[in-house]
Protein backbone atom coordinates (compact mmCIF):
# COMPACT_ATOMS: atom_id res chain seq x y z
CA MET A 1 -0.13 -0.28 0.21
CA LYS A 2 1.13 3.46 -0.88
CA LYS A 3 1.65 5.86 1.76
CA ILE A 4 0.33 9.01 0.77
CA ALA A 5 0.45 12.46 2.82
CA ILE A 6 -2.60 14.99 3.03
CA VAL A 7 -1.70 18.48 3.06
CA THR A 8 -3.89 21.76 3.68
CA ASP A 9 -3.54 25.28 5.21
CA SER A 10 -5.05 26.57 8.19
CA THR A 11 -8.52 27.70 6.28
CA ILE A 12 -10.01 24.64 7.46
CA SER A 13 -10.45 26.22 10.49
CA MET A 14 -8.21 23.79 12.59
CA SER A 15 -5.08 23.78 14.44
CA PRO A 16 -1.93 21.92 13.15
CA THR A 17 -2.27 20.01 16.27
CA GLU A 18 -5.92 19.05 16.21
CA ALA A 19 -5.24 18.19 12.22
CA GLU A 20 -2.08 15.92 13.11
CA LYS A 21 -3.99 14.13 15.13
CA LEU A 22 -6.34 13.35 12.17
CA GLY A 23 -3.71 12.42 10.04
CA VAL A 24 -3.31 15.90 8.20
CA TYR A 25 -0.53 18.34 8.23
CA VAL A 26 -1.41 22.32 8.08
CA ALA A 27 0.08 24.84 6.92
CA PRO A 28 -0.96 27.99 8.95
CA LEU A 29 -1.31 31.23 7.25
CA SER A 30 0.42 34.71 8.13
CA ILE A 31 -2.11 37.11 9.95
CA ILE A 32 -0.27 40.56 10.44
CA VAL A 33 -1.85 42.72 13.18
CA ASN A 34 -0.32 46.37 13.53
CA GLY A 35 2.88 45.32 12.16
CA THR A 36 3.77 42.02 13.74
CA GLU A 37 3.43 38.51 12.02
CA TYR A 38 1.52 35.86 13.72
CA ARG A 39 1.04 32.11 12.57
CA ASP A 40 -3.07 31.80 12.49
CA TYR A 41 -4.36 28.91 15.11
CA VAL A 42 -0.65 28.45 16.43
CA GLU A 43 0.12 32.25 17.67
CA LEU A 44 -3.31 33.69 17.09
CA SER A 45 -6.24 32.13 18.66
CA ASN A 46 -9.83 33.13 17.14
CA THR A 47 -10.63 34.54 20.57
CA ASP A 48 -7.37 36.79 20.19
CA LEU A 49 -8.60 37.96 16.57
CA TYR A 50 -12.47 38.99 17.53
CA ARG A 51 -10.54 40.98 19.98
CA TYR A 52 -8.33 42.93 17.62
CA LEU A 53 -11.48 43.09 15.10
CA ALA A 54 -13.47 44.99 18.04
CA GLU A 55 -10.01 47.21 18.83
CA LYS A 56 -9.99 47.68 15.17
CA ALA A 57 -6.64 47.18 14.62
CA ASP A 58 -4.71 47.53 11.42
CA ILE A 59 -4.86 43.13 10.34
CA LYS A 60 -3.39 42.05 7.26
CA THR A 61 -3.40 38.15 5.92
CA SER A 62 -0.62 36.61 4.14
CA GLN A 63 0.05 33.09 2.46
CA PRO A 64 1.90 30.77 5.10
CA ASN A 65 5.73 32.07 5.41
CA LEU A 66 7.89 30.69 2.92
CA GLY A 67 10.72 29.24 5.48
CA MET A 68 8.05 27.58 7.73
CA LEU A 69 6.62 25.56 4.33
CA HIS A 70 10.34 24.99 3.36
CA GLU A 71 10.65 23.13 7.13
CA LEU A 72 7.51 21.41 6.49
CA MET A 73 8.57 20.11 3.14
CA GLU A 74 11.69 18.99 4.16
CA ARG A 75 10.05 17.35 7.41
CA LEU A 76 7.56 15.43 4.37
CA LYS A 77 10.71 14.17 2.41
CA ALA A 78 12.29 12.61 5.81
CA GLU A 79 8.97 10.45 6.17
CA LYS A 80 9.26 9.08 2.53
CA TYR A 81 6.14 9.63 1.45
CA ASP A 82 5.31 7.79 -1.90
CA GLN A 83 2.90 10.80 -2.97
CA ILE A 84 1.75 13.99 -0.94
CA ILE A 85 -1.31 15.86 -2.21
CA ILE A 86 -1.65 19.46 -1.02
CA PHE A 87 -5.25 21.16 -1.16
CA THR A 88 -4.84 24.68 -0.69
CA LEU A 89 -7.55 27.78 -0.63
CA SER A 90 -8.50 29.18 -4.07
CA LYS A 91 -5.78 30.88 -5.72
CA ASN A 92 -8.01 33.74 -6.67
CA LEU A 93 -7.81 34.65 -3.01
CA SER A 94 -4.24 33.80 -1.63
CA GLY A 95 -0.91 32.97 -3.06
CA THR A 96 -0.76 30.17 -0.76
CA TYR A 97 -1.16 27.71 -3.94
CA GLN A 98 1.80 29.18 -5.78
CA ALA A 99 4.05 29.17 -2.54
CA PHE A 100 3.37 25.82 -2.43
CA VAL A 101 4.32 25.15 -5.33
CA LEU A 102 7.33 26.84 -5.42
CA SER A 103 7.95 25.08 -1.84
CA SER A 104 8.01 21.76 -3.36
CA LEU A 105 10.17 22.89 -6.35
CA GLN A 106 12.89 24.41 -4.04
CA SER A 107 12.73 20.79 -2.30
CA ASP A 108 13.14 19.25 -5.84
CA MET A 109 9.96 16.66 -4.73
CA LYS A 110 8.31 14.93 -7.57
CA ASN A 111 5.93 12.96 -5.62
CA VAL A 112 3.62 16.43 -4.76
CA THR A 113 0.58 17.55 -6.39
CA VAL A 114 -0.66 20.58 -5.43
CA VAL A 115 -4.70 21.06 -5.99
CA ASP A 116 -6.26 24.61 -6.01
CA SER A 117 -9.65 23.83 -4.62
CA GLY A 118 -11.30 27.10 -5.50
CA THR A 119 -12.82 27.85 -2.73
CA ILE A 120 -12.30 28.04 1.34
CA CYS A 121 -13.07 26.64 4.79
CA GLY A 122 -15.54 24.45 5.22
CA PRO A 123 -15.53 22.30 1.21
CA LEU A 124 -12.19 22.13 1.79
CA ARG A 125 -11.96 21.05 5.33
CA TYR A 126 -14.62 18.49 4.47
CA VAL A 127 -12.15 17.01 1.17
CA VAL A 128 -9.18 17.13 3.25
CA LEU A 129 -10.44 14.87 6.12
CA ARG A 130 -12.35 12.48 4.04
CA ALA A 131 -8.81 12.45 1.87
CA ALA A 132 -7.00 11.84 5.13
CA GLU A 133 -9.65 8.81 5.56
CA MET A 134 -9.44 7.64 2.01
CA ALA A 135 -5.42 7.51 2.47
CA ALA A 136 -5.52 5.34 5.37
CA GLU A 137 -7.98 3.04 3.63
CA GLY A 138 -5.62 2.45 1.44
CA LYS A 139 -7.34 4.38 -1.99
CA SER A 140 -4.91 5.58 -4.77
CA LYS A 141 -3.77 8.84 -5.69
CA GLN A 142 -6.20 9.39 -8.75
CA GLU A 143 -9.23 7.81 -6.39
CA ILE A 144 -8.40 10.76 -3.76
CA LEU A 145 -8.26 13.57 -6.55
CA THR A 146 -11.30 12.53 -8.33
CA PHE A 147 -13.75 12.36 -5.38
CA ALA A 148 -11.76 16.26 -4.48
CA ASP A 149 -12.59 17.38 -8.02
CA ARG A 150 -16.28 16.68 -8.02
CA VAL A 151 -16.81 18.05 -4.29
CA PHE A 152 -14.74 21.31 -5.63
CA HIS A 153 -16.92 21.69 -8.60
CA ASP A 154 -20.51 21.86 -6.86
CA THR A 155 -19.64 24.22 -4.22
CA VAL A 156 -20.90 28.19 -3.33
CA THR A 157 -19.89 30.02 -0.33
CA PHE A 158 -22.44 33.17 0.96
CA ILE A 159 -20.94 35.48 3.34
CA VAL A 160 -23.57 37.62 5.67
CA PRO A 161 -21.70 40.58 6.80
CA HIS A 162 -22.87 42.27 10.17
CA ASN A 163 -22.58 45.37 8.80
CA LEU A 164 -19.81 47.02 5.83
CA ASP A 165 -17.48 48.50 8.49
CA GLN A 166 -14.61 45.95 8.48
CA LEU A 167 -15.13 45.52 4.51
CA LYS A 168 -15.00 48.98 4.23
CA ARG A 169 -11.41 49.28 6.21
CA SER A 170 -10.20 46.45 4.05
CA GLY A 171 -11.09 47.87 1.05
CA ARG A 172 -13.70 45.78 -0.15
CA VAL A 173 -16.52 47.84 -0.71
CA SER A 174 -16.61 52.05 -0.93
CA SER A 175 -17.18 54.25 1.97
CA SER A 176 -20.11 56.16 0.09
CA ALA A 177 -21.84 52.15 -0.01
CA ALA A 178 -21.28 51.28 3.19
CA ALA A 179 -22.60 54.65 4.68
CA LEU A 180 -25.90 53.91 2.07
CA SER A 181 -26.46 50.85 3.73
CA ALA A 182 -26.52 51.67 7.25
CA LEU A 183 -28.23 55.02 6.20
CA LEU A 184 -31.35 52.52 4.80
CA LYS A 185 -30.64 49.86 6.93
CA ILE A 186 -30.15 47.40 4.47
CA ARG A 187 -28.58 43.55 5.01
CA ILE A 188 -26.86 42.75 2.14
CA ALA A 189 -25.27 39.13 1.56
CA LEU A 190 -21.92 38.23 -0.71
CA TRP A 191 -20.84 35.43 -2.16
CA ILE A 192 -18.05 34.01 -3.93
CA ASP A 193 -19.01 31.32 -6.62
CA ASN A 194 -17.46 27.99 -7.54
CA ARG A 195 -13.53 29.29 -8.45
CA ALA A 196 -14.56 33.16 -8.28
CA ALA A 197 -11.99 35.71 -9.01
CA SER A 198 -13.61 37.76 -6.23
CA ILE A 199 -16.28 38.47 -3.08
CA GLU A 200 -19.18 39.72 -5.25
CA LYS A 201 -23.09 41.26 -3.85
CA PHE A 202 -25.51 38.38 -3.86
CA GLU A 203 -28.70 39.60 -2.83
CA THR A 204 -29.88 42.75 -0.36
CA ALA A 205 -33.32 42.75 1.86
CA ARG A 206 -34.68 44.88 4.60
CA THR A 207 -34.62 42.21 7.35
CA GLU A 208 -32.70 39.27 8.22
CA GLY A 209 -35.06 36.68 7.84
CA LYS A 210 -35.79 37.93 3.93
CA LEU A 211 -31.94 37.33 3.51
CA PHE A 212 -31.80 34.09 4.87
CA SER A 213 -35.08 33.50 2.55
CA LEU A 214 -33.09 34.65 -0.73
CA ILE A 215 -30.26 32.57 0.14
CA ILE A 216 -31.59 29.62 0.49
CA LYS A 217 -33.63 30.04 -2.39
CA LYS A 218 -30.41 30.19 -4.47
CA MET A 219 -29.42 26.89 -2.70
CA ILE A 220 -32.54 25.23 -3.95
CA ASP A 221 -32.11 26.76 -7.65
CA ARG A 222 -28.63 24.80 -7.27
CA ASN A 223 -30.10 21.60 -6.53
CA VAL A 224 -28.92 21.50 -2.83
CA THR A 225 -31.02 18.72 -1.14
CA ALA A 226 -31.01 16.63 2.24
CA GLU A 227 -29.43 13.56 0.43
CA SER A 228 -26.80 15.32 -2.06
CA HIS A 229 -25.09 18.33 0.28
CA LYS A 230 -23.87 19.31 3.74
CA ILE A 231 -23.99 22.76 4.72
CA TYR A 232 -20.92 24.27 6.90
CA ILE A 233 -21.51 27.59 8.55
CA PRO A 234 -18.03 29.26 9.39
CA HIS A 235 -18.94 32.14 11.74
CA CYS A 236 -16.77 35.09 13.43
CA ASP A 237 -18.07 35.43 16.69
CA ALA A 238 -21.97 34.75 15.35
CA VAL A 239 -23.23 31.56 16.84
CA GLU A 240 -26.21 33.00 17.46
CA GLU A 241 -26.82 34.29 14.23
CA ALA A 242 -25.94 30.94 12.67
CA GLN A 243 -28.19 28.97 14.18
CA ARG A 244 -31.05 31.69 13.49
CA PHE A 245 -30.49 30.92 9.82
CA ILE A 246 -29.89 27.23 10.43
CA SER A 247 -33.37 26.97 12.15
CA GLN A 248 -34.97 28.88 8.70
CA LEU A 249 -33.03 26.48 6.53
CA GLU A 250 -33.96 23.50 8.30
CA LYS A 251 -37.76 24.64 7.92
CA GLU A 252 -37.11 24.69 3.96
CA ILE A 253 -34.69 22.07 3.76
CA PRO A 254 -35.89 19.23 6.30
CA GLY A 255 -33.06 17.08 7.16
CA ILE A 256 -30.38 18.57 5.99
CA GLU A 257 -26.71 18.23 7.57
CA THR A 258 -25.33 21.54 9.05
CA GLU A 259 -22.25 21.96 10.92
CA ILE A 260 -21.05 25.40 12.45
CA ILE A 261 -17.35 26.01 12.63
CA GLU A 262 -14.92 28.88 12.98
CA LEU A 263 -14.34 31.68 9.84
CA PRO A 264 -10.80 31.53 9.07
CA SER A 265 -8.78 34.40 9.90
CA ALA A 266 -8.68 35.06 6.03
CA VAL A 267 -11.96 35.69 5.59
CA ALA A 268 -12.89 37.12 9.00
CA THR A 269 -10.26 40.04 8.57
CA HIS A 270 -12.52 41.10 5.86
CA VAL A 271 -15.81 40.80 7.03
CA GLY A 272 -15.78 41.53 10.48
CA LEU A 273 -17.47 40.49 13.84
CA LYS A 274 -20.70 38.75 13.87
CA ALA A 275 -20.34 37.68 9.95
CA PHE A 276 -20.92 34.43 9.03
CA GLY A 277 -21.07 32.14 6.32
CA VAL A 278 -23.15 29.87 4.44
CA GLN A 279 -21.43 27.13 2.31
CA THR A 280 -23.14 23.99 0.37
CA THR A 281 -20.69 21.20 -0.05
CA LEU A 282 -21.23 18.16 -2.14
CA LEU A 283 -21.47 14.83 -0.54
CA GLY A 284 -19.26 13.17 -2.64
CA LEU A 285 -19.12 9.39 -2.92
CA SER A 286 -15.68 8.41 -2.68
């Protein structure tokens, strides 16, 4: 049986220690707060991030540190894996994919496959954890990649920010758009379609319930059912908001599986506190 390593980045919302217990290697992204660099989920917890967001600190995100990536690749080389599969967040959202490719070339590793997931967080987490199970079961590299490709090509992410303040600070929306939204008391939902190059506006509504209904209708239009999909709800200190969405979702798609997880720092730093996401994830047969 071939020995296969599964590697990813910290946007699966899991610490390297937790992930390693599940047979996965995680490279932390870098989070820069007021000029100081931290490794996500290693030197910066979600509690720390919430505090910095509340303080309106200057927060930026970056791909994993190249020195740290080199150390990880050398460790993987020393452990003599037959194949190494690396799943990264969308290369349209980060330079992480390119950083892994560069690091594997510098380490002269020819048994590495770097996969651009085209997504982030929940669907990536689902594929990575199942891929680790498949590797342990003796599945081949091609079986794992075929499974992953099927899931990654059937996902969409909706984002529901509490307001547009942090998006304005991060340059994702204009000051005038943020001011108009606040003035008219309009709720807005954003979305990242499969392999999209940017976060786009999805819909606006006067009430939370109406906005939730628009998201759920879009999910149904994309053939999301309780039998075919799981829904991840990543949040930024917004468990109550996430639970309200789930309550409405379960009325319209009874029996659908949901899981609340933490919103990755790479997204939370842009959308702000009390924001949450909704991610459709195909239950791929492996």
